[in-house]
N, C-alpha and C. Protein backbone atom coordinates (compact mmCIF):
# COMPACT_ATOMS: atom_id res chain seq x y z
N MET A 1 -16.21 -5.63 -7.45
CA MET A 1 -15.74 -4.37 -6.92
C MET A 1 -16.63 -3.23 -7.38
N SER A 2 -16.73 -2.21 -6.57
CA SER A 2 -17.51 -1.05 -6.97
C SER A 2 -16.66 -0.16 -7.86
N ASP A 3 -17.32 0.81 -8.49
CA ASP A 3 -16.60 1.74 -9.36
C ASP A 3 -15.77 2.72 -8.55
N GLU A 4 -16.19 3.03 -7.34
CA GLU A 4 -15.47 3.95 -6.46
C GLU A 4 -14.39 3.20 -5.72
N PRO A 5 -13.15 3.70 -5.75
CA PRO A 5 -12.11 3.03 -4.96
C PRO A 5 -12.39 3.20 -3.47
N ILE A 6 -12.09 2.17 -2.72
CA ILE A 6 -12.36 2.21 -1.29
C ILE A 6 -11.22 2.94 -0.58
N ARG A 7 -11.58 3.89 0.23
CA ARG A 7 -10.59 4.63 1.01
C ARG A 7 -10.22 3.81 2.24
N ILE A 8 -9.06 4.13 2.79
CA ILE A 8 -8.56 3.34 3.92
C ILE A 8 -9.51 3.38 5.11
N GLY A 9 -10.10 4.54 5.40
CA GLY A 9 -11.05 4.63 6.51
C GLY A 9 -12.25 3.73 6.32
N GLU A 10 -12.76 3.69 5.09
CA GLU A 10 -13.91 2.83 4.79
C GLU A 10 -13.54 1.36 4.95
N LEU A 11 -12.31 1.01 4.55
CA LEU A 11 -11.87 -0.37 4.69
C LEU A 11 -11.75 -0.74 6.17
N LEU A 12 -11.26 0.17 6.98
CA LEU A 12 -11.15 -0.09 8.41
C LEU A 12 -12.52 -0.24 9.06
N VAL A 13 -13.51 0.52 8.58
CA VAL A 13 -14.88 0.37 9.09
C VAL A 13 -15.43 -0.99 8.69
N GLN A 14 -15.26 -1.36 7.42
CA GLN A 14 -15.77 -2.66 6.96
C GLN A 14 -15.11 -3.82 7.71
N ALA A 15 -13.86 -3.61 8.12
CA ALA A 15 -13.14 -4.67 8.85
C ALA A 15 -13.51 -4.68 10.33
N GLY A 16 -14.29 -3.70 10.76
CA GLY A 16 -14.69 -3.62 12.17
C GLY A 16 -13.60 -3.10 13.09
N VAL A 17 -12.60 -2.44 12.53
CA VAL A 17 -11.52 -1.89 13.33
C VAL A 17 -11.97 -0.62 14.03
N ILE A 18 -12.73 0.19 13.31
CA ILE A 18 -13.34 1.40 13.88
C ILE A 18 -14.78 1.45 13.37
N ASN A 19 -15.61 2.24 14.05
CA ASN A 19 -16.98 2.40 13.56
C ASN A 19 -17.08 3.71 12.76
N LYS A 20 -18.21 3.91 12.10
CA LYS A 20 -18.39 5.08 11.25
C LYS A 20 -18.28 6.38 12.03
N ASP A 21 -18.84 6.40 13.24
CA ASP A 21 -18.77 7.62 14.05
C ASP A 21 -17.32 7.99 14.36
N LYS A 22 -16.55 6.99 14.74
CA LYS A 22 -15.14 7.25 15.06
C LYS A 22 -14.40 7.70 13.80
N LEU A 23 -14.70 7.07 12.66
CA LEU A 23 -14.06 7.48 11.41
C LEU A 23 -14.35 8.95 11.13
N HIS A 24 -15.61 9.36 11.24
CA HIS A 24 -15.97 10.75 10.97
C HIS A 24 -15.27 11.69 11.96
N GLN A 25 -15.20 11.26 13.21
CA GLN A 25 -14.52 12.08 14.22
C GLN A 25 -13.03 12.22 13.87
N ARG A 26 -12.39 11.11 13.53
CA ARG A 26 -10.96 11.14 13.20
C ARG A 26 -10.70 11.93 11.90
N LEU A 27 -11.60 11.81 10.93
CA LEU A 27 -11.46 12.59 9.70
C LEU A 27 -11.55 14.09 9.99
N GLY A 28 -12.46 14.46 10.90
CA GLY A 28 -12.58 15.87 11.28
C GLY A 28 -11.30 16.39 11.93
N ILE A 29 -10.72 15.59 12.80
CA ILE A 29 -9.47 15.97 13.45
C ILE A 29 -8.35 16.08 12.41
N ALA A 30 -8.31 15.12 11.51
CA ALA A 30 -7.28 15.12 10.47
C ALA A 30 -7.39 16.38 9.61
N ARG A 31 -8.60 16.74 9.22
CA ARG A 31 -8.80 17.95 8.41
C ARG A 31 -8.41 19.20 9.20
N GLN A 32 -8.85 19.25 10.45
CA GLN A 32 -8.58 20.41 11.29
C GLN A 32 -7.07 20.62 11.49
N LEU A 33 -6.34 19.53 11.68
CA LEU A 33 -4.90 19.63 11.93
C LEU A 33 -4.06 19.57 10.65
N GLY A 34 -4.71 19.23 9.55
CA GLY A 34 -3.98 19.11 8.29
C GLY A 34 -3.04 17.90 8.27
N LEU A 35 -3.44 16.85 8.94
CA LEU A 35 -2.63 15.63 9.02
C LEU A 35 -3.34 14.48 8.32
N PRO A 36 -2.58 13.47 7.89
CA PRO A 36 -3.21 12.31 7.28
C PRO A 36 -4.05 11.54 8.30
N LEU A 37 -5.12 10.94 7.82
CA LEU A 37 -5.99 10.15 8.69
C LEU A 37 -5.20 9.07 9.42
N GLY A 38 -4.31 8.40 8.72
CA GLY A 38 -3.54 7.33 9.34
C GLY A 38 -2.76 7.80 10.56
N GLN A 39 -2.19 8.97 10.47
CA GLN A 39 -1.44 9.51 11.60
C GLN A 39 -2.36 9.75 12.79
N ILE A 40 -3.55 10.24 12.53
CA ILE A 40 -4.52 10.48 13.60
C ILE A 40 -4.97 9.16 14.22
N LEU A 41 -5.22 8.16 13.39
CA LEU A 41 -5.65 6.85 13.89
C LEU A 41 -4.58 6.21 14.76
N VAL A 42 -3.33 6.34 14.35
CA VAL A 42 -2.23 5.76 15.13
C VAL A 42 -2.03 6.54 16.43
N GLN A 43 -2.03 7.88 16.34
CA GLN A 43 -1.83 8.70 17.54
C GLN A 43 -2.98 8.53 18.53
N SER A 44 -4.17 8.23 18.02
CA SER A 44 -5.33 8.01 18.89
C SER A 44 -5.39 6.58 19.41
N HIS A 45 -4.41 5.78 19.04
CA HIS A 45 -4.32 4.37 19.46
C HIS A 45 -5.50 3.53 18.98
N ASP A 46 -6.08 3.93 17.84
CA ASP A 46 -7.12 3.11 17.24
C ASP A 46 -6.52 1.85 16.63
N LEU A 47 -5.28 1.95 16.17
CA LEU A 47 -4.51 0.82 15.69
C LEU A 47 -3.04 1.21 15.69
N GLY A 48 -2.18 0.21 15.65
CA GLY A 48 -0.75 0.46 15.65
C GLY A 48 -0.25 0.89 14.29
N LYS A 49 0.95 1.48 14.27
CA LYS A 49 1.54 1.95 13.01
C LYS A 49 1.71 0.79 12.03
N ASP A 50 2.25 -0.33 12.51
CA ASP A 50 2.45 -1.48 11.62
C ASP A 50 1.12 -2.02 11.11
N GLN A 51 0.11 -2.04 11.98
CA GLN A 51 -1.22 -2.48 11.54
C GLN A 51 -1.73 -1.55 10.44
N PHE A 52 -1.56 -0.26 10.64
CA PHE A 52 -2.04 0.69 9.63
C PHE A 52 -1.30 0.52 8.31
N LEU A 53 0.03 0.41 8.37
CA LEU A 53 0.80 0.24 7.13
C LEU A 53 0.45 -1.07 6.43
N ASN A 54 0.20 -2.13 7.20
CA ASN A 54 -0.23 -3.39 6.59
C ASN A 54 -1.63 -3.27 5.99
N ALA A 55 -2.50 -2.53 6.66
CA ALA A 55 -3.84 -2.28 6.10
C ALA A 55 -3.72 -1.52 4.78
N LEU A 56 -2.77 -0.60 4.70
CA LEU A 56 -2.54 0.12 3.44
C LEU A 56 -2.05 -0.83 2.35
N GLN A 57 -1.22 -1.79 2.73
CA GLN A 57 -0.76 -2.78 1.74
C GLN A 57 -1.95 -3.59 1.22
N ILE A 58 -2.85 -3.95 2.12
CA ILE A 58 -4.04 -4.69 1.71
C ILE A 58 -4.91 -3.83 0.82
N GLN A 59 -5.06 -2.55 1.18
CA GLN A 59 -5.84 -1.64 0.34
C GLN A 59 -5.21 -1.54 -1.06
N SER A 60 -3.89 -1.52 -1.11
CA SER A 60 -3.21 -1.46 -2.40
C SER A 60 -3.53 -2.68 -3.25
N LEU A 61 -3.55 -3.86 -2.63
CA LEU A 61 -3.93 -5.07 -3.36
C LEU A 61 -5.37 -5.00 -3.84
N LEU A 62 -6.22 -4.39 -3.03
CA LEU A 62 -7.62 -4.19 -3.42
C LEU A 62 -7.70 -3.24 -4.61
N LEU A 63 -6.95 -2.14 -4.56
CA LEU A 63 -6.96 -1.17 -5.65
C LEU A 63 -6.43 -1.77 -6.94
N GLU A 64 -5.49 -2.72 -6.81
CA GLU A 64 -4.95 -3.41 -7.97
C GLU A 64 -5.86 -4.55 -8.43
N GLU A 65 -6.99 -4.72 -7.74
CA GLU A 65 -7.98 -5.75 -8.03
C GLU A 65 -7.42 -7.16 -7.87
N LEU A 66 -6.48 -7.31 -6.93
CA LEU A 66 -5.94 -8.62 -6.61
C LEU A 66 -6.69 -9.25 -5.45
N LEU A 67 -7.49 -8.45 -4.75
CA LEU A 67 -8.37 -8.89 -3.67
C LEU A 67 -9.75 -8.29 -3.89
N THR A 68 -10.78 -8.98 -3.41
CA THR A 68 -12.11 -8.39 -3.39
C THR A 68 -12.23 -7.52 -2.14
N THR A 69 -13.24 -6.69 -2.08
CA THR A 69 -13.46 -5.85 -0.90
C THR A 69 -13.68 -6.72 0.32
N GLU A 70 -14.42 -7.80 0.17
CA GLU A 70 -14.67 -8.70 1.29
C GLU A 70 -13.37 -9.35 1.78
N GLN A 71 -12.55 -9.81 0.86
CA GLN A 71 -11.27 -10.41 1.25
C GLN A 71 -10.39 -9.39 1.97
N ALA A 72 -10.35 -8.18 1.44
CA ALA A 72 -9.52 -7.13 2.03
C ALA A 72 -9.99 -6.81 3.45
N ALA A 73 -11.29 -6.67 3.63
CA ALA A 73 -11.83 -6.36 4.95
C ALA A 73 -11.53 -7.49 5.94
N ARG A 74 -11.68 -8.73 5.49
CA ARG A 74 -11.39 -9.86 6.38
C ARG A 74 -9.91 -9.90 6.74
N ALA A 75 -9.04 -9.62 5.75
CA ALA A 75 -7.60 -9.63 6.02
C ALA A 75 -7.22 -8.53 7.01
N VAL A 76 -7.81 -7.35 6.85
CA VAL A 76 -7.54 -6.26 7.80
C VAL A 76 -8.05 -6.65 9.19
N SER A 77 -9.18 -7.31 9.24
CA SER A 77 -9.71 -7.76 10.52
C SER A 77 -8.74 -8.75 11.18
N PHE A 78 -8.20 -9.69 10.41
CA PHE A 78 -7.23 -10.63 10.95
C PHE A 78 -6.00 -9.89 11.48
N LEU A 79 -5.57 -8.86 10.76
CA LEU A 79 -4.41 -8.06 11.19
C LEU A 79 -4.67 -7.38 12.53
N CYS A 80 -5.78 -6.68 12.59
CA CYS A 80 -6.05 -5.79 13.72
C CYS A 80 -6.70 -6.48 14.92
N HIS A 81 -7.57 -7.43 14.68
CA HIS A 81 -8.27 -8.08 15.79
C HIS A 81 -7.52 -9.29 16.33
N GLU A 82 -6.82 -9.99 15.43
CA GLU A 82 -6.14 -11.21 15.86
C GLU A 82 -4.63 -11.07 15.89
N GLY A 83 -4.13 -9.90 15.49
CA GLY A 83 -2.69 -9.67 15.52
C GLY A 83 -1.90 -10.51 14.54
N GLN A 84 -2.54 -10.94 13.47
CA GLN A 84 -1.86 -11.77 12.47
C GLN A 84 -0.85 -10.95 11.67
N GLU A 85 0.19 -11.61 11.20
CA GLU A 85 1.15 -10.99 10.28
C GLU A 85 0.44 -10.81 8.93
N LEU A 86 0.95 -9.89 8.12
CA LEU A 86 0.34 -9.60 6.82
C LEU A 86 0.20 -10.84 5.96
N ASN A 87 1.28 -11.59 5.81
CA ASN A 87 1.20 -12.77 4.92
C ASN A 87 0.23 -13.82 5.45
N VAL A 88 0.13 -13.96 6.77
CA VAL A 88 -0.81 -14.92 7.35
C VAL A 88 -2.25 -14.45 7.12
N ALA A 89 -2.50 -13.17 7.37
CA ALA A 89 -3.85 -12.62 7.17
C ALA A 89 -4.28 -12.78 5.72
N LEU A 90 -3.37 -12.52 4.79
CA LEU A 90 -3.70 -12.66 3.37
C LEU A 90 -3.93 -14.11 2.99
N SER A 91 -3.13 -15.01 3.53
CA SER A 91 -3.33 -16.42 3.18
C SER A 91 -4.66 -16.93 3.73
N LYS A 92 -5.10 -16.40 4.87
CA LYS A 92 -6.38 -16.81 5.45
C LYS A 92 -7.56 -16.42 4.57
N VAL A 93 -7.38 -15.41 3.72
CA VAL A 93 -8.48 -15.00 2.83
C VAL A 93 -8.27 -15.53 1.41
N GLY A 94 -7.29 -16.44 1.26
CA GLY A 94 -7.11 -17.10 -0.03
C GLY A 94 -6.11 -16.43 -0.95
N PHE A 95 -5.39 -15.46 -0.47
CA PHE A 95 -4.38 -14.79 -1.29
C PHE A 95 -3.04 -15.43 -1.02
N LEU A 96 -2.39 -15.88 -2.08
CA LEU A 96 -1.10 -16.53 -1.94
C LEU A 96 0.01 -15.51 -2.11
N GLU A 97 0.98 -15.53 -1.21
CA GLU A 97 2.08 -14.57 -1.27
C GLU A 97 2.76 -14.58 -2.62
N SER A 98 2.85 -15.73 -3.23
CA SER A 98 3.52 -15.82 -4.52
C SER A 98 2.80 -15.05 -5.61
N GLN A 99 1.53 -14.67 -5.35
CA GLN A 99 0.80 -13.91 -6.36
C GLN A 99 1.43 -12.56 -6.61
N THR A 100 1.95 -11.92 -5.55
CA THR A 100 2.51 -10.59 -5.76
C THR A 100 3.38 -10.07 -4.64
N LEU A 101 3.21 -10.52 -3.42
CA LEU A 101 3.88 -9.86 -2.30
C LEU A 101 5.39 -9.85 -2.42
N ALA A 102 5.97 -10.88 -2.97
CA ALA A 102 7.42 -10.91 -3.06
C ALA A 102 7.93 -9.84 -4.02
N TYR A 103 7.07 -9.32 -4.86
CA TYR A 103 7.50 -8.37 -5.87
C TYR A 103 6.58 -7.15 -5.89
N ARG A 104 6.26 -6.64 -4.71
CA ARG A 104 5.44 -5.44 -4.63
C ARG A 104 6.22 -4.28 -5.22
N LEU A 105 5.50 -3.33 -5.75
CA LEU A 105 6.11 -2.17 -6.38
C LEU A 105 7.06 -1.47 -5.43
N GLY A 106 6.61 -1.19 -4.23
CA GLY A 106 7.46 -0.50 -3.27
C GLY A 106 8.71 -1.28 -2.94
N ASP A 107 8.57 -2.60 -2.80
CA ASP A 107 9.73 -3.44 -2.49
C ASP A 107 10.75 -3.43 -3.63
N LEU A 108 10.27 -3.45 -4.86
CA LEU A 108 11.18 -3.38 -6.00
C LEU A 108 11.95 -2.06 -6.02
N LEU A 109 11.24 -0.97 -5.80
CA LEU A 109 11.88 0.34 -5.80
C LEU A 109 12.86 0.48 -4.64
N LEU A 110 12.53 -0.09 -3.50
CA LEU A 110 13.47 -0.10 -2.37
C LEU A 110 14.71 -0.92 -2.70
N ALA A 111 14.51 -2.10 -3.24
CA ALA A 111 15.63 -3.00 -3.57
C ALA A 111 16.56 -2.38 -4.60
N ALA A 112 16.00 -1.58 -5.49
CA ALA A 112 16.80 -0.92 -6.53
C ALA A 112 17.40 0.40 -6.04
N ASP A 113 17.18 0.71 -4.77
CA ASP A 113 17.68 1.96 -4.17
C ASP A 113 17.15 3.21 -4.88
N VAL A 114 15.92 3.11 -5.37
CA VAL A 114 15.29 4.24 -6.04
C VAL A 114 14.56 5.11 -5.03
N ILE A 115 14.00 4.48 -3.98
CA ILE A 115 13.29 5.21 -2.94
C ILE A 115 13.79 4.74 -1.57
N SER A 116 13.51 5.56 -0.56
CA SER A 116 13.86 5.19 0.81
C SER A 116 12.64 4.62 1.52
N GLU A 117 12.85 4.05 2.68
CA GLU A 117 11.73 3.56 3.51
C GLU A 117 10.77 4.71 3.82
N ASP A 118 11.32 5.89 4.12
CA ASP A 118 10.48 7.05 4.42
C ASP A 118 9.65 7.46 3.21
N ASP A 119 10.28 7.43 2.01
CA ASP A 119 9.55 7.74 0.78
C ASP A 119 8.37 6.78 0.62
N LEU A 120 8.63 5.50 0.84
CA LEU A 120 7.60 4.48 0.67
C LEU A 120 6.48 4.67 1.69
N THR A 121 6.85 4.91 2.94
CA THR A 121 5.83 5.11 3.98
C THR A 121 4.95 6.30 3.64
N PHE A 122 5.55 7.40 3.24
CA PHE A 122 4.78 8.60 2.90
C PHE A 122 3.86 8.34 1.71
N ALA A 123 4.38 7.66 0.70
CA ALA A 123 3.57 7.36 -0.48
C ALA A 123 2.44 6.39 -0.14
N LEU A 124 2.71 5.42 0.74
CA LEU A 124 1.65 4.50 1.17
C LEU A 124 0.56 5.25 1.93
N LEU A 125 0.95 6.17 2.78
CA LEU A 125 -0.04 6.98 3.51
C LEU A 125 -0.88 7.78 2.53
N THR A 126 -0.22 8.41 1.57
CA THR A 126 -0.94 9.19 0.56
C THR A 126 -1.86 8.30 -0.25
N SER A 127 -1.36 7.14 -0.64
CA SER A 127 -2.16 6.18 -1.40
C SER A 127 -3.42 5.80 -0.64
N GLY A 128 -3.27 5.53 0.64
CA GLY A 128 -4.42 5.14 1.46
C GLY A 128 -5.39 6.28 1.68
N GLU A 129 -4.87 7.48 1.84
CA GLU A 129 -5.72 8.64 2.11
C GLU A 129 -6.64 8.95 0.93
N ILE A 130 -6.07 8.92 -0.28
CA ILE A 130 -6.87 9.35 -1.42
C ILE A 130 -7.26 8.19 -2.35
N ALA A 131 -7.02 6.97 -1.88
CA ALA A 131 -7.45 5.75 -2.58
C ALA A 131 -6.96 5.68 -4.01
N ILE A 132 -5.64 5.81 -4.15
CA ILE A 132 -5.02 5.64 -5.46
C ILE A 132 -3.93 4.58 -5.34
N PRO A 133 -3.58 3.94 -6.45
CA PRO A 133 -2.50 2.95 -6.39
C PRO A 133 -1.18 3.59 -5.96
N LEU A 134 -0.31 2.79 -5.40
CA LEU A 134 0.96 3.27 -4.88
C LEU A 134 1.76 4.01 -5.95
N GLY A 135 1.80 3.50 -7.15
CA GLY A 135 2.57 4.15 -8.22
C GLY A 135 2.12 5.59 -8.45
N HIS A 136 0.83 5.81 -8.44
CA HIS A 136 0.30 7.17 -8.60
C HIS A 136 0.73 8.05 -7.44
N ALA A 137 0.68 7.50 -6.24
CA ALA A 137 1.07 8.27 -5.06
C ALA A 137 2.55 8.63 -5.10
N LEU A 138 3.39 7.71 -5.55
CA LEU A 138 4.82 8.00 -5.67
C LEU A 138 5.07 9.15 -6.63
N ILE A 139 4.31 9.18 -7.70
CA ILE A 139 4.46 10.26 -8.68
C ILE A 139 3.90 11.56 -8.11
N GLN A 140 2.70 11.52 -7.55
CA GLN A 140 2.06 12.73 -7.02
C GLN A 140 2.83 13.36 -5.87
N THR A 141 3.52 12.56 -5.09
CA THR A 141 4.30 13.10 -3.98
C THR A 141 5.69 13.53 -4.42
N GLY A 142 6.01 13.35 -5.68
CA GLY A 142 7.29 13.81 -6.21
C GLY A 142 8.46 12.90 -5.88
N VAL A 143 8.18 11.70 -5.45
CA VAL A 143 9.25 10.77 -5.08
C VAL A 143 9.96 10.26 -6.34
N VAL A 144 9.20 9.94 -7.37
CA VAL A 144 9.78 9.46 -8.63
C VAL A 144 8.98 10.06 -9.79
N VAL A 145 9.58 9.98 -10.96
CA VAL A 145 8.90 10.45 -12.17
C VAL A 145 8.10 9.29 -12.77
N PRO A 146 7.12 9.59 -13.62
CA PRO A 146 6.29 8.53 -14.20
C PRO A 146 7.06 7.42 -14.90
N ASP A 147 8.15 7.76 -15.59
CA ASP A 147 8.92 6.74 -16.30
C ASP A 147 9.49 5.69 -15.35
N VAL A 148 9.84 6.11 -14.14
CA VAL A 148 10.39 5.17 -13.16
C VAL A 148 9.31 4.20 -12.69
N VAL A 149 8.11 4.71 -12.43
CA VAL A 149 7.01 3.85 -12.03
C VAL A 149 6.69 2.87 -13.16
N ALA A 150 6.67 3.37 -14.39
CA ALA A 150 6.39 2.49 -15.53
C ALA A 150 7.45 1.39 -15.63
N ALA A 151 8.72 1.75 -15.44
CA ALA A 151 9.79 0.76 -15.50
C ALA A 151 9.65 -0.27 -14.37
N ALA A 152 9.26 0.20 -13.19
CA ALA A 152 9.08 -0.71 -12.05
C ALA A 152 7.90 -1.65 -12.28
N LEU A 153 6.82 -1.13 -12.84
CA LEU A 153 5.66 -1.97 -13.12
C LEU A 153 5.99 -3.01 -14.19
N THR A 154 6.78 -2.61 -15.17
CA THR A 154 7.23 -3.55 -16.20
C THR A 154 8.10 -4.63 -15.57
N ALA A 155 9.01 -4.22 -14.70
CA ALA A 155 9.86 -5.18 -14.00
C ALA A 155 9.02 -6.15 -13.18
N GLN A 156 8.01 -5.62 -12.51
CA GLN A 156 7.12 -6.44 -11.69
C GLN A 156 6.43 -7.51 -12.55
N LYS A 157 5.92 -7.10 -13.70
CA LYS A 157 5.25 -8.04 -14.60
C LYS A 157 6.22 -9.10 -15.12
N GLN A 158 7.44 -8.67 -15.45
CA GLN A 158 8.43 -9.61 -15.96
C GLN A 158 8.82 -10.64 -14.90
N ILE A 159 8.94 -10.20 -13.67
CA ILE A 159 9.27 -11.13 -12.59
C ILE A 159 8.12 -12.12 -12.40
N ARG A 160 6.89 -11.60 -12.36
CA ARG A 160 5.74 -12.47 -12.15
C ARG A 160 5.56 -13.48 -13.27
N SER A 161 5.90 -13.06 -14.50
CA SER A 161 5.77 -13.99 -15.64
C SER A 161 7.00 -14.88 -15.78
N LYS A 162 7.98 -14.67 -14.92
CA LYS A 162 9.21 -15.45 -14.89
C LYS A 162 10.06 -15.27 -16.15
N SER A 163 9.91 -14.12 -16.83
CA SER A 163 10.75 -13.85 -17.99
C SER A 163 12.11 -13.29 -17.58
N VAL A 164 12.20 -12.77 -16.35
CA VAL A 164 13.48 -12.35 -15.79
C VAL A 164 13.47 -12.70 -14.30
N SER A 165 14.67 -12.80 -13.74
CA SER A 165 14.75 -13.04 -12.29
C SER A 165 14.54 -11.71 -11.57
N ALA A 166 14.22 -11.79 -10.30
CA ALA A 166 14.04 -10.58 -9.51
C ALA A 166 15.33 -9.78 -9.49
N GLU A 167 16.46 -10.46 -9.36
CA GLU A 167 17.75 -9.76 -9.31
C GLU A 167 18.03 -9.02 -10.61
N GLU A 168 17.73 -9.66 -11.75
CA GLU A 168 17.94 -9.00 -13.05
C GLU A 168 17.04 -7.78 -13.19
N ALA A 169 15.79 -7.94 -12.82
CA ALA A 169 14.85 -6.83 -12.94
C ALA A 169 15.25 -5.67 -12.04
N ILE A 170 15.70 -5.97 -10.83
CA ILE A 170 16.12 -4.93 -9.90
C ILE A 170 17.34 -4.19 -10.45
N GLU A 171 18.28 -4.93 -11.03
CA GLU A 171 19.48 -4.29 -11.58
C GLU A 171 19.11 -3.38 -12.76
N VAL A 172 18.22 -3.84 -13.63
CA VAL A 172 17.77 -3.00 -14.75
C VAL A 172 17.05 -1.76 -14.22
N LEU A 173 16.20 -1.97 -13.23
CA LEU A 173 15.46 -0.85 -12.64
C LEU A 173 16.42 0.14 -12.00
N ARG A 174 17.41 -0.36 -11.32
CA ARG A 174 18.40 0.51 -10.67
C ARG A 174 19.11 1.38 -11.72
N SER A 175 19.54 0.78 -12.81
CA SER A 175 20.26 1.54 -13.83
C SER A 175 19.35 2.48 -14.60
N THR A 176 18.09 2.10 -14.75
CA THR A 176 17.12 2.95 -15.45
C THR A 176 16.65 4.10 -14.60
N ALA A 177 16.42 3.84 -13.33
CA ALA A 177 15.76 4.80 -12.46
C ALA A 177 16.69 5.85 -11.86
N THR A 178 17.93 5.55 -11.69
CA THR A 178 18.83 6.47 -11.01
C THR A 178 18.81 7.87 -11.60
N PRO A 179 18.90 8.04 -12.94
CA PRO A 179 18.88 9.40 -13.46
C PRO A 179 17.53 10.10 -13.29
N GLY A 180 16.44 9.32 -13.14
CA GLY A 180 15.11 9.89 -13.07
C GLY A 180 14.64 10.24 -11.67
N ARG A 181 15.46 9.97 -10.67
CA ARG A 181 15.02 10.19 -9.30
C ARG A 181 14.83 11.68 -9.03
N VAL A 182 13.71 12.00 -8.40
CA VAL A 182 13.36 13.39 -8.13
C VAL A 182 13.91 13.82 -6.79
N SER A 183 13.69 13.01 -5.76
CA SER A 183 14.07 13.44 -4.40
C SER A 183 15.50 13.10 -4.06
C-alpha cells in the first residue's frame, strides 16, 4: 500500500468505472455545487447508489489494510462492470466474508441502535470523500463521540477473536454507547 490513502474517485478510476477526465469533471461539479462526489456520480448515472455504497465499503477495507489496492480495484470492477454482489466481488479477489464483513463497524453500531442507516450512509460518504476510516468519519460528522467508536472497535476485535459472541458484544455496546450518542 502507498502512504497516501486512496480516495474513492481514484479507486473508481483504477477499477475502470470512470476515467480520469470524468473524475476531474465530476470533482469540479461537486466543488461548484458543494456536494459530495458520490452524489454527483450517482446523479450523473456513472454508477448506481448501491454500487457506490459498496465501493465505499471496499475502500473502507482498503483503508483498514484488509485488502490491497489491486484487490480493491478488482472488487469494485466486479461490482460495477459485472453487477456482482459485494460478498461475491470480495470473494473473487480472495477476501473471505468471515474475515470482517459480518462484524463491520457500521453494522455493529446499527445493531446496537447507536446510529441510523442515514447516519451510516452519510458517514460512509464522508469516509469515501476524504479517505478516512469509517470510525473517524462517524466522529467528524458528529454522529458519535470517540469513546463510542473505541468501544465498537473493541467489540469488533472481541467478536473476531471469538472472546465474545456478536450478541454479547452488541448488548455491551448498546449499554455503553447510549449515553454517549450525539445525534
